Amino acid sequence: MKTHSTAARGSASRQMPDTGRVSLGRLGDFVGFRLRRVQNQLSRDFAAATSAKGLRSGLFSSLGIIEANPGISQSELSREVGLDKSVTVTIVDELEKFGWAVRERSKEDRRRHELFITDEGKAHLDELFTIVGKTEDAVLHQLSPAELHLLSELLDRMYAACMRDEG
C-alpha cells in the first residue's frame, strides 16, 4: 500500500483551494477527514429534507443496497453499509415493520436470512432517491461530469483498498 509522507501531505493540502473559512491545519492533510466533512453536510441536508418521514439513520442506504442485491444476507448488508450487525438487525426490523423489505429464510442455508425489497419499499426508495438527488445536486454542480466520474472511480478504488485491508 502506498503511503504519503507528512511533508507530501502538508504541501498537498496547502495547494488546495481556500474556502474562506477556518484553517483545517493538519486535518486538511487527511482524506478521511475531508470526506467525512462533506458526508456530514450531505447527511444533515438529507435528514432535514426527510425529517417529516421519520427516517432512522441507515434505513435509506440499507434499503438501497437490498434493492440492488436481492437476497443479500443481513451480515453482507451490515458489512456493505458499514454498520454493526446488531444495528443492522434493528434496521431490518424497521424495514419490515414499515413494509419496505422482507426477510426470508434461505433455501440453501436455513441459518441465513435473505433480504428483499417490497413494492412499497421500492416506491418509497424512489422518492428518497429523488430527495437525495436534489440534496447532492446542490453540491455536485461544482464538478464537471468528467470530474464526477473520476471522483466516483477514486472513491470506489479507495473503498476496495479498505475492504482488502479488512479481509
N, C-alpha and C. Protein backbone atom coordinates (compact mmCIF):
# COMPACT_ATOMS: atom_id res chain seq x y z
N MET A 1 0.84 -1.17 0.00
CA MET A 1 0.00 0.00 0.00
C MET A 1 0.89 1.24 0.00
N LYS A 2 0.54 2.20 -0.82
CA LYS A 2 1.30 3.44 -0.88
C LYS A 2 1.00 4.27 0.36
N THR A 3 2.03 4.90 0.87
CA THR A 3 1.83 5.86 1.95
C THR A 3 2.45 7.18 1.51
N HIS A 4 1.95 8.23 2.07
CA HIS A 4 2.45 9.55 1.75
C HIS A 4 3.13 10.11 2.98
N SER A 5 4.27 10.72 2.77
CA SER A 5 4.98 11.30 3.90
C SER A 5 4.21 12.51 4.42
N THR A 6 4.50 12.86 5.65
CA THR A 6 3.86 14.03 6.25
C THR A 6 4.17 15.28 5.44
N ALA A 7 5.40 15.37 4.95
CA ALA A 7 5.77 16.55 4.15
C ALA A 7 4.94 16.61 2.87
N ALA A 8 4.76 15.46 2.22
CA ALA A 8 3.96 15.44 0.99
C ALA A 8 2.52 15.81 1.29
N ARG A 9 1.99 15.30 2.39
CA ARG A 9 0.62 15.63 2.76
C ARG A 9 0.48 17.12 2.98
N GLY A 10 1.39 17.70 3.74
CA GLY A 10 1.30 19.11 4.06
C GLY A 10 1.35 19.99 2.83
N SER A 11 2.23 19.68 1.91
CA SER A 11 2.31 20.51 0.71
C SER A 11 1.08 20.34 -0.16
N ALA A 12 0.51 19.13 -0.18
CA ALA A 12 -0.69 18.90 -0.99
C ALA A 12 -1.87 19.70 -0.44
N SER A 13 -2.03 19.72 0.87
CA SER A 13 -3.20 20.42 1.42
C SER A 13 -3.05 21.94 1.29
N ARG A 14 -1.82 22.43 1.31
CA ARG A 14 -1.64 23.87 1.16
C ARG A 14 -1.96 24.33 -0.26
N GLN A 15 -1.96 23.39 -1.21
CA GLN A 15 -2.28 23.74 -2.58
C GLN A 15 -3.78 23.67 -2.85
N MET A 16 -4.55 23.18 -1.91
CA MET A 16 -5.99 23.06 -2.10
C MET A 16 -6.62 24.46 -2.10
N PRO A 17 -7.73 24.63 -2.79
CA PRO A 17 -8.38 25.95 -2.85
C PRO A 17 -8.80 26.42 -1.46
N ASP A 18 -8.66 27.69 -1.23
CA ASP A 18 -9.06 28.29 0.04
C ASP A 18 -10.57 28.45 0.06
N THR A 19 -11.21 27.97 1.12
CA THR A 19 -12.67 28.06 1.22
C THR A 19 -13.11 29.34 1.90
N GLY A 20 -12.15 30.14 2.39
CA GLY A 20 -12.51 31.37 3.07
C GLY A 20 -12.99 31.12 4.49
N ARG A 21 -12.79 29.93 4.98
CA ARG A 21 -13.21 29.57 6.34
C ARG A 21 -12.00 29.31 7.20
N VAL A 22 -12.22 28.76 8.37
CA VAL A 22 -11.12 28.48 9.28
C VAL A 22 -10.16 27.47 8.66
N SER A 23 -8.93 27.54 9.07
CA SER A 23 -7.92 26.61 8.59
C SER A 23 -8.18 25.22 9.15
N LEU A 24 -7.97 24.22 8.33
CA LEU A 24 -8.10 22.84 8.79
C LEU A 24 -6.81 22.37 9.46
N GLY A 25 -5.75 23.14 9.30
CA GLY A 25 -4.48 22.71 9.87
C GLY A 25 -4.09 21.35 9.34
N ARG A 26 -3.54 20.54 10.21
CA ARG A 26 -3.09 19.21 9.79
C ARG A 26 -4.24 18.29 9.39
N LEU A 27 -5.44 18.57 9.87
CA LEU A 27 -6.60 17.75 9.47
C LEU A 27 -6.80 17.79 7.96
N GLY A 28 -6.48 18.92 7.34
CA GLY A 28 -6.62 19.06 5.90
C GLY A 28 -5.72 18.15 5.10
N ASP A 29 -4.76 17.53 5.78
CA ASP A 29 -3.85 16.61 5.11
C ASP A 29 -4.42 15.20 5.01
N PHE A 30 -5.59 14.96 5.55
CA PHE A 30 -6.14 13.60 5.61
C PHE A 30 -7.46 13.51 4.87
N VAL A 31 -7.48 12.64 3.87
CA VAL A 31 -8.66 12.50 3.02
C VAL A 31 -9.87 12.02 3.82
N GLY A 32 -9.66 11.18 4.81
CA GLY A 32 -10.77 10.70 5.63
C GLY A 32 -11.52 11.84 6.29
N PHE A 33 -10.79 12.79 6.83
CA PHE A 33 -11.43 13.94 7.47
C PHE A 33 -12.20 14.76 6.44
N ARG A 34 -11.58 14.99 5.28
CA ARG A 34 -12.24 15.78 4.25
C ARG A 34 -13.49 15.09 3.73
N LEU A 35 -13.42 13.78 3.52
CA LEU A 35 -14.60 13.02 3.06
C LEU A 35 -15.70 13.06 4.12
N ARG A 36 -15.34 12.87 5.36
CA ARG A 36 -16.33 12.85 6.44
C ARG A 36 -17.00 14.21 6.57
N ARG A 37 -16.23 15.27 6.38
CA ARG A 37 -16.78 16.62 6.49
C ARG A 37 -17.86 16.85 5.42
N VAL A 38 -17.59 16.43 4.19
CA VAL A 38 -18.58 16.56 3.12
C VAL A 38 -19.77 15.65 3.42
N GLN A 39 -19.50 14.42 3.83
CA GLN A 39 -20.56 13.46 4.13
C GLN A 39 -21.46 13.98 5.25
N ASN A 40 -20.89 14.58 6.27
CA ASN A 40 -21.69 15.13 7.37
C ASN A 40 -22.65 16.20 6.86
N GLN A 41 -22.16 17.07 5.98
CA GLN A 41 -23.01 18.13 5.44
C GLN A 41 -24.15 17.55 4.59
N LEU A 42 -23.81 16.61 3.71
CA LEU A 42 -24.82 16.00 2.87
C LEU A 42 -25.84 15.23 3.70
N SER A 43 -25.38 14.53 4.73
CA SER A 43 -26.29 13.78 5.60
C SER A 43 -27.23 14.72 6.35
N ARG A 44 -26.69 15.83 6.82
CA ARG A 44 -27.53 16.79 7.52
C ARG A 44 -28.60 17.36 6.59
N ASP A 45 -28.23 17.68 5.36
CA ASP A 45 -29.20 18.21 4.39
C ASP A 45 -30.26 17.16 4.04
N PHE A 46 -29.83 15.91 3.86
CA PHE A 46 -30.77 14.83 3.56
C PHE A 46 -31.72 14.60 4.74
N ALA A 47 -31.18 14.61 5.95
CA ALA A 47 -32.01 14.42 7.15
C ALA A 47 -33.04 15.54 7.27
N ALA A 48 -32.64 16.76 6.96
CA ALA A 48 -33.58 17.88 7.02
C ALA A 48 -34.67 17.72 5.97
N ALA A 49 -34.29 17.27 4.77
CA ALA A 49 -35.27 17.12 3.69
C ALA A 49 -36.23 15.96 3.92
N THR A 50 -35.83 15.01 4.76
CA THR A 50 -36.68 13.83 5.01
C THR A 50 -37.19 13.78 6.45
N SER A 51 -37.03 14.86 7.19
CA SER A 51 -37.38 14.85 8.61
C SER A 51 -38.84 14.46 8.86
N ALA A 52 -39.74 14.87 7.99
CA ALA A 52 -41.16 14.57 8.17
C ALA A 52 -41.44 13.07 8.00
N LYS A 53 -40.52 12.36 7.38
CA LYS A 53 -40.71 10.92 7.15
C LYS A 53 -40.24 10.08 8.33
N GLY A 54 -39.53 10.68 9.28
CA GLY A 54 -39.08 9.97 10.47
C GLY A 54 -38.08 8.86 10.17
N LEU A 55 -37.21 9.09 9.21
CA LEU A 55 -36.23 8.07 8.83
C LEU A 55 -35.14 7.93 9.87
N ARG A 56 -34.87 6.71 10.23
CA ARG A 56 -33.74 6.40 11.11
C ARG A 56 -32.49 6.33 10.24
N SER A 57 -31.38 6.76 10.78
CA SER A 57 -30.12 6.70 10.06
C SER A 57 -29.84 5.26 9.62
N GLY A 58 -29.47 5.10 8.38
CA GLY A 58 -29.14 3.78 7.85
C GLY A 58 -30.27 3.11 7.09
N LEU A 59 -31.52 3.58 7.25
CA LEU A 59 -32.64 2.94 6.54
C LEU A 59 -32.52 3.14 5.02
N PHE A 60 -32.23 4.35 4.60
CA PHE A 60 -32.15 4.64 3.18
C PHE A 60 -31.06 3.81 2.51
N SER A 61 -29.85 3.86 3.06
CA SER A 61 -28.75 3.13 2.43
C SER A 61 -28.98 1.63 2.47
N SER A 62 -29.53 1.14 3.56
CA SER A 62 -29.81 -0.30 3.66
C SER A 62 -30.84 -0.73 2.63
N LEU A 63 -31.89 0.06 2.50
CA LEU A 63 -32.94 -0.27 1.53
C LEU A 63 -32.38 -0.21 0.10
N GLY A 64 -31.51 0.76 -0.17
CA GLY A 64 -30.89 0.86 -1.49
C GLY A 64 -30.01 -0.34 -1.81
N ILE A 65 -29.27 -0.82 -0.82
CA ILE A 65 -28.41 -2.00 -1.01
C ILE A 65 -29.26 -3.25 -1.20
N ILE A 66 -30.35 -3.36 -0.44
CA ILE A 66 -31.24 -4.52 -0.60
C ILE A 66 -31.86 -4.54 -1.99
N GLU A 67 -32.28 -3.37 -2.47
CA GLU A 67 -32.86 -3.30 -3.82
C GLU A 67 -31.86 -3.76 -4.87
N ALA A 68 -30.62 -3.31 -4.74
CA ALA A 68 -29.59 -3.61 -5.73
C ALA A 68 -29.07 -5.05 -5.64
N ASN A 69 -29.34 -5.71 -4.50
CA ASN A 69 -28.81 -7.05 -4.26
C ASN A 69 -29.88 -7.95 -3.66
N PRO A 70 -30.90 -8.29 -4.43
CA PRO A 70 -31.97 -9.13 -3.90
C PRO A 70 -31.41 -10.43 -3.32
N GLY A 71 -31.84 -10.75 -2.10
CA GLY A 71 -31.37 -11.96 -1.44
C GLY A 71 -30.12 -11.77 -0.61
N ILE A 72 -29.64 -10.54 -0.49
CA ILE A 72 -28.45 -10.27 0.32
C ILE A 72 -28.71 -10.71 1.77
N SER A 73 -27.69 -11.18 2.44
CA SER A 73 -27.85 -11.58 3.84
C SER A 73 -27.69 -10.36 4.74
N GLN A 74 -28.15 -10.49 5.98
CA GLN A 74 -28.02 -9.39 6.93
C GLN A 74 -26.55 -9.09 7.20
N SER A 75 -25.70 -10.10 7.27
CA SER A 75 -24.29 -9.84 7.55
C SER A 75 -23.61 -9.16 6.36
N GLU A 76 -23.99 -9.54 5.13
CA GLU A 76 -23.45 -8.85 3.95
C GLU A 76 -23.92 -7.40 3.92
N LEU A 77 -25.18 -7.18 4.26
CA LEU A 77 -25.71 -5.82 4.31
C LEU A 77 -24.97 -5.00 5.35
N SER A 78 -24.76 -5.58 6.51
CA SER A 78 -24.05 -4.90 7.59
C SER A 78 -22.66 -4.47 7.14
N ARG A 79 -21.94 -5.37 6.50
CA ARG A 79 -20.58 -5.07 6.03
C ARG A 79 -20.60 -3.97 4.98
N GLU A 80 -21.53 -4.07 4.04
CA GLU A 80 -21.55 -3.12 2.92
C GLU A 80 -21.96 -1.72 3.35
N VAL A 81 -22.89 -1.63 4.29
CA VAL A 81 -23.34 -0.32 4.76
C VAL A 81 -22.40 0.24 5.83
N GLY A 82 -21.60 -0.64 6.42
CA GLY A 82 -20.62 -0.20 7.42
C GLY A 82 -21.22 -0.03 8.80
N LEU A 83 -22.23 -0.85 9.11
CA LEU A 83 -22.88 -0.78 10.42
C LEU A 83 -22.62 -2.04 11.22
N ASP A 84 -22.67 -1.93 12.52
CA ASP A 84 -22.57 -3.08 13.41
C ASP A 84 -23.73 -4.02 13.13
N LYS A 85 -23.49 -5.32 13.26
CA LYS A 85 -24.53 -6.31 12.94
C LYS A 85 -25.79 -6.12 13.79
N SER A 86 -25.63 -5.74 15.05
CA SER A 86 -26.80 -5.54 15.91
C SER A 86 -27.63 -4.34 15.43
N VAL A 87 -26.98 -3.31 14.93
CA VAL A 87 -27.69 -2.15 14.39
C VAL A 87 -28.42 -2.55 13.12
N THR A 88 -27.78 -3.37 12.31
CA THR A 88 -28.40 -3.84 11.07
C THR A 88 -29.66 -4.64 11.35
N VAL A 89 -29.65 -5.47 12.39
CA VAL A 89 -30.84 -6.24 12.75
C VAL A 89 -31.99 -5.29 13.08
N THR A 90 -31.71 -4.24 13.83
CA THR A 90 -32.73 -3.24 14.18
C THR A 90 -33.25 -2.55 12.93
N ILE A 91 -32.36 -2.21 12.01
CA ILE A 91 -32.77 -1.55 10.77
C ILE A 91 -33.66 -2.48 9.94
N VAL A 92 -33.27 -3.73 9.82
CA VAL A 92 -34.07 -4.69 9.06
C VAL A 92 -35.44 -4.88 9.72
N ASP A 93 -35.46 -4.91 11.05
CA ASP A 93 -36.74 -5.00 11.77
C ASP A 93 -37.64 -3.81 11.39
N GLU A 94 -37.06 -2.62 11.35
CA GLU A 94 -37.84 -1.42 11.00
C GLU A 94 -38.30 -1.46 9.55
N LEU A 95 -37.43 -1.90 8.65
CA LEU A 95 -37.81 -2.01 7.24
C LEU A 95 -38.99 -2.96 7.07
N GLU A 96 -38.97 -4.05 7.83
CA GLU A 96 -40.10 -5.00 7.78
C GLU A 96 -41.36 -4.38 8.39
N LYS A 97 -41.19 -3.68 9.50
CA LYS A 97 -42.34 -3.05 10.17
C LYS A 97 -43.02 -2.05 9.23
N PHE A 98 -42.23 -1.28 8.47
CA PHE A 98 -42.79 -0.31 7.52
C PHE A 98 -43.34 -0.98 6.27
N GLY A 99 -43.04 -2.26 6.08
CA GLY A 99 -43.48 -2.97 4.88
C GLY A 99 -42.61 -2.69 3.67
N TRP A 100 -41.38 -2.24 3.89
CA TRP A 100 -40.48 -1.88 2.80
C TRP A 100 -39.56 -3.02 2.38
N ALA A 101 -39.36 -3.99 3.25
CA ALA A 101 -38.48 -5.13 2.95
C ALA A 101 -39.00 -6.34 3.69
N VAL A 102 -38.61 -7.51 3.20
CA VAL A 102 -38.95 -8.77 3.87
C VAL A 102 -37.68 -9.58 4.05
N ARG A 103 -37.72 -10.37 5.11
CA ARG A 103 -36.62 -11.27 5.46
C ARG A 103 -37.15 -12.68 5.24
N GLU A 104 -36.45 -13.45 4.42
CA GLU A 104 -36.88 -14.82 4.14
C GLU A 104 -35.75 -15.78 4.47
N ARG A 105 -36.10 -16.94 4.98
CA ARG A 105 -35.12 -17.97 5.28
C ARG A 105 -34.55 -18.50 3.95
N SER A 106 -33.23 -18.61 3.86
CA SER A 106 -32.59 -19.12 2.65
C SER A 106 -32.95 -20.60 2.45
N LYS A 107 -33.20 -20.95 1.23
CA LYS A 107 -33.50 -22.35 0.91
C LYS A 107 -32.22 -23.20 0.91
N GLU A 108 -31.06 -22.57 0.66
CA GLU A 108 -29.79 -23.28 0.65
C GLU A 108 -29.17 -23.41 2.04
N ASP A 109 -29.35 -22.39 2.87
CA ASP A 109 -28.75 -22.38 4.20
C ASP A 109 -29.80 -21.85 5.18
N ARG A 110 -30.42 -22.73 5.91
CA ARG A 110 -31.53 -22.36 6.80
C ARG A 110 -31.10 -21.40 7.92
N ARG A 111 -29.80 -21.25 8.16
CA ARG A 111 -29.32 -20.31 9.19
C ARG A 111 -29.28 -18.88 8.66
N ARG A 112 -29.38 -18.73 7.36
CA ARG A 112 -29.21 -17.43 6.70
C ARG A 112 -30.58 -16.84 6.34
N HIS A 113 -30.70 -15.53 6.56
CA HIS A 113 -31.88 -14.79 6.10
C HIS A 113 -31.51 -14.01 4.86
N GLU A 114 -32.38 -14.06 3.85
CA GLU A 114 -32.21 -13.27 2.65
C GLU A 114 -33.16 -12.08 2.71
N LEU A 115 -32.70 -10.95 2.22
CA LEU A 115 -33.49 -9.72 2.29
C LEU A 115 -33.94 -9.31 0.89
N PHE A 116 -35.21 -8.88 0.80
CA PHE A 116 -35.80 -8.46 -0.46
C PHE A 116 -36.61 -7.19 -0.22
N ILE A 117 -36.58 -6.29 -1.19
CA ILE A 117 -37.38 -5.07 -1.12
C ILE A 117 -38.81 -5.40 -1.59
N THR A 118 -39.78 -4.75 -0.99
CA THR A 118 -41.18 -4.92 -1.40
C THR A 118 -41.53 -3.84 -2.42
N ASP A 119 -42.70 -3.98 -3.03
CA ASP A 119 -43.15 -2.94 -3.97
C ASP A 119 -43.31 -1.60 -3.25
N GLU A 120 -43.83 -1.64 -2.03
CA GLU A 120 -43.98 -0.42 -1.25
C GLU A 120 -42.60 0.18 -0.92
N GLY A 121 -41.66 -0.68 -0.60
CA GLY A 121 -40.30 -0.23 -0.33
C GLY A 121 -39.66 0.40 -1.55
N LYS A 122 -39.89 -0.18 -2.71
CA LYS A 122 -39.36 0.36 -3.97
C LYS A 122 -39.93 1.75 -4.23
N ALA A 123 -41.23 1.91 -4.04
CA ALA A 123 -41.86 3.22 -4.26
C ALA A 123 -41.28 4.25 -3.29
N HIS A 124 -41.12 3.85 -2.05
CA HIS A 124 -40.56 4.76 -1.05
C HIS A 124 -39.11 5.10 -1.39
N LEU A 125 -38.36 4.10 -1.82
CA LEU A 125 -36.96 4.31 -2.18
C LEU A 125 -36.83 5.26 -3.37
N ASP A 126 -37.72 5.13 -4.35
CA ASP A 126 -37.71 6.04 -5.49
C ASP A 126 -37.86 7.49 -5.02
N GLU A 127 -38.77 7.69 -4.08
CA GLU A 127 -38.98 9.03 -3.52
C GLU A 127 -37.73 9.53 -2.79
N LEU A 128 -37.10 8.64 -2.03
CA LEU A 128 -35.89 9.02 -1.29
C LEU A 128 -34.73 9.33 -2.24
N PHE A 129 -34.62 8.57 -3.33
CA PHE A 129 -33.56 8.86 -4.29
C PHE A 129 -33.77 10.21 -4.96
N THR A 130 -35.01 10.60 -5.17
CA THR A 130 -35.29 11.93 -5.71
C THR A 130 -34.82 13.00 -4.74
N ILE A 131 -35.09 12.79 -3.46
CA ILE A 131 -34.67 13.76 -2.43
C ILE A 131 -33.16 13.82 -2.33
N VAL A 132 -32.50 12.67 -2.27
CA VAL A 132 -31.04 12.68 -2.15
C VAL A 132 -30.40 13.26 -3.41
N GLY A 133 -31.03 13.05 -4.57
CA GLY A 133 -30.51 13.64 -5.80
C GLY A 133 -30.53 15.16 -5.74
N LYS A 134 -31.63 15.70 -5.25
CA LYS A 134 -31.73 17.16 -5.10
C LYS A 134 -30.72 17.67 -4.07
N THR A 135 -30.55 16.93 -2.99
CA THR A 135 -29.61 17.31 -1.94
C THR A 135 -28.19 17.35 -2.48
N GLU A 136 -27.81 16.32 -3.24
CA GLU A 136 -26.45 16.28 -3.76
C GLU A 136 -26.23 17.23 -4.93
N ASP A 137 -27.27 17.48 -5.71
CA ASP A 137 -27.14 18.41 -6.84
C ASP A 137 -26.64 19.77 -6.39
N ALA A 138 -27.05 20.18 -5.20
CA ALA A 138 -26.63 21.47 -4.68
C ALA A 138 -25.12 21.56 -4.49
N VAL A 139 -24.47 20.40 -4.33
CA VAL A 139 -23.03 20.36 -4.12
C VAL A 139 -22.30 19.92 -5.39
N LEU A 140 -22.87 18.94 -6.07
CA LEU A 140 -22.17 18.33 -7.21
C LEU A 140 -22.08 19.23 -8.43
N HIS A 141 -22.86 20.30 -8.47
CA HIS A 141 -22.74 21.23 -9.61
C HIS A 141 -21.36 21.88 -9.64
N GLN A 142 -20.60 21.72 -8.56
CA GLN A 142 -19.23 22.24 -8.50
C GLN A 142 -18.28 21.42 -9.37
N LEU A 143 -18.70 20.21 -9.75
CA LEU A 143 -17.85 19.29 -10.52
C LEU A 143 -18.38 19.11 -11.94
N SER A 144 -17.46 19.00 -12.88
CA SER A 144 -17.86 18.68 -14.25
C SER A 144 -18.24 17.20 -14.30
N PRO A 145 -18.95 16.76 -15.34
CA PRO A 145 -19.26 15.33 -15.46
C PRO A 145 -18.00 14.46 -15.42
N ALA A 146 -16.92 14.90 -16.05
CA ALA A 146 -15.68 14.13 -16.04
C ALA A 146 -15.09 14.06 -14.62
N GLU A 147 -15.15 15.18 -13.90
CA GLU A 147 -14.64 15.19 -12.53
C GLU A 147 -15.48 14.30 -11.64
N LEU A 148 -16.78 14.34 -11.82
CA LEU A 148 -17.67 13.49 -11.02
C LEU A 148 -17.40 12.02 -11.30
N HIS A 149 -17.20 11.67 -12.57
CA HIS A 149 -16.86 10.30 -12.93
C HIS A 149 -15.54 9.88 -12.28
N LEU A 150 -14.54 10.74 -12.35
CA LEU A 150 -13.25 10.46 -11.74
C LEU A 150 -13.38 10.30 -10.23
N LEU A 151 -14.13 11.20 -9.60
CA LEU A 151 -14.34 11.10 -8.15
C LEU A 151 -14.98 9.77 -7.79
N SER A 152 -15.98 9.34 -8.54
CA SER A 152 -16.63 8.05 -8.27
C SER A 152 -15.64 6.90 -8.40
N GLU A 153 -14.83 6.93 -9.44
CA GLU A 153 -13.82 5.88 -9.63
C GLU A 153 -12.82 5.86 -8.48
N LEU A 154 -12.36 7.03 -8.08
CA LEU A 154 -11.38 7.12 -6.99
C LEU A 154 -11.98 6.62 -5.67
N LEU A 155 -13.21 7.02 -5.39
CA LEU A 155 -13.86 6.56 -4.16
C LEU A 155 -14.03 5.05 -4.16
N ASP A 156 -14.40 4.47 -5.31
CA ASP A 156 -14.54 3.02 -5.40
C ASP A 156 -13.20 2.32 -5.18
N ARG A 157 -12.14 2.86 -5.73
CA ARG A 157 -10.81 2.27 -5.52
C ARG A 157 -10.39 2.37 -4.07
N MET A 158 -10.66 3.50 -3.44
CA MET A 158 -10.32 3.66 -2.03
C MET A 158 -11.11 2.68 -1.17
N TYR A 159 -12.41 2.52 -1.48
CA TYR A 159 -13.24 1.59 -0.72
C TYR A 159 -12.73 0.16 -0.89
N ALA A 160 -12.38 -0.22 -2.12
CA ALA A 160 -11.85 -1.56 -2.37
C ALA A 160 -10.57 -1.80 -1.57
N ALA A 161 -9.72 -0.78 -1.48
CA ALA A 161 -8.49 -0.91 -0.69
C ALA A 161 -8.82 -1.08 0.79
N CYS A 162 -9.81 -0.35 1.27
CA CYS A 162 -10.23 -0.51 2.68
C CYS A 162 -10.72 -1.93 2.94
N MET A 163 -11.49 -2.46 2.02
CA MET A 163 -12.05 -3.81 2.19
C MET A 163 -10.95 -4.87 2.12
N ARG A 164 -9.94 -4.67 1.29
CA ARG A 164 -8.80 -5.61 1.23
C ARG A 164 -8.06 -5.59 2.55
N ASP A 165 -7.90 -4.39 3.13
CA ASP A 165 -7.19 -4.27 4.40
C ASP A 165 -7.94 -4.96 5.53
N GLU A 166 -9.29 -5.01 5.45
CA GLU A 166 -10.09 -5.67 6.48
C GLU A 166 -10.03 -7.18 6.36
N GLY A 167 -9.95 -7.67 5.12
CA GLY A 167 -10.00 -9.09 4.86
C GLY A 167 -8.73 -9.75 5.13
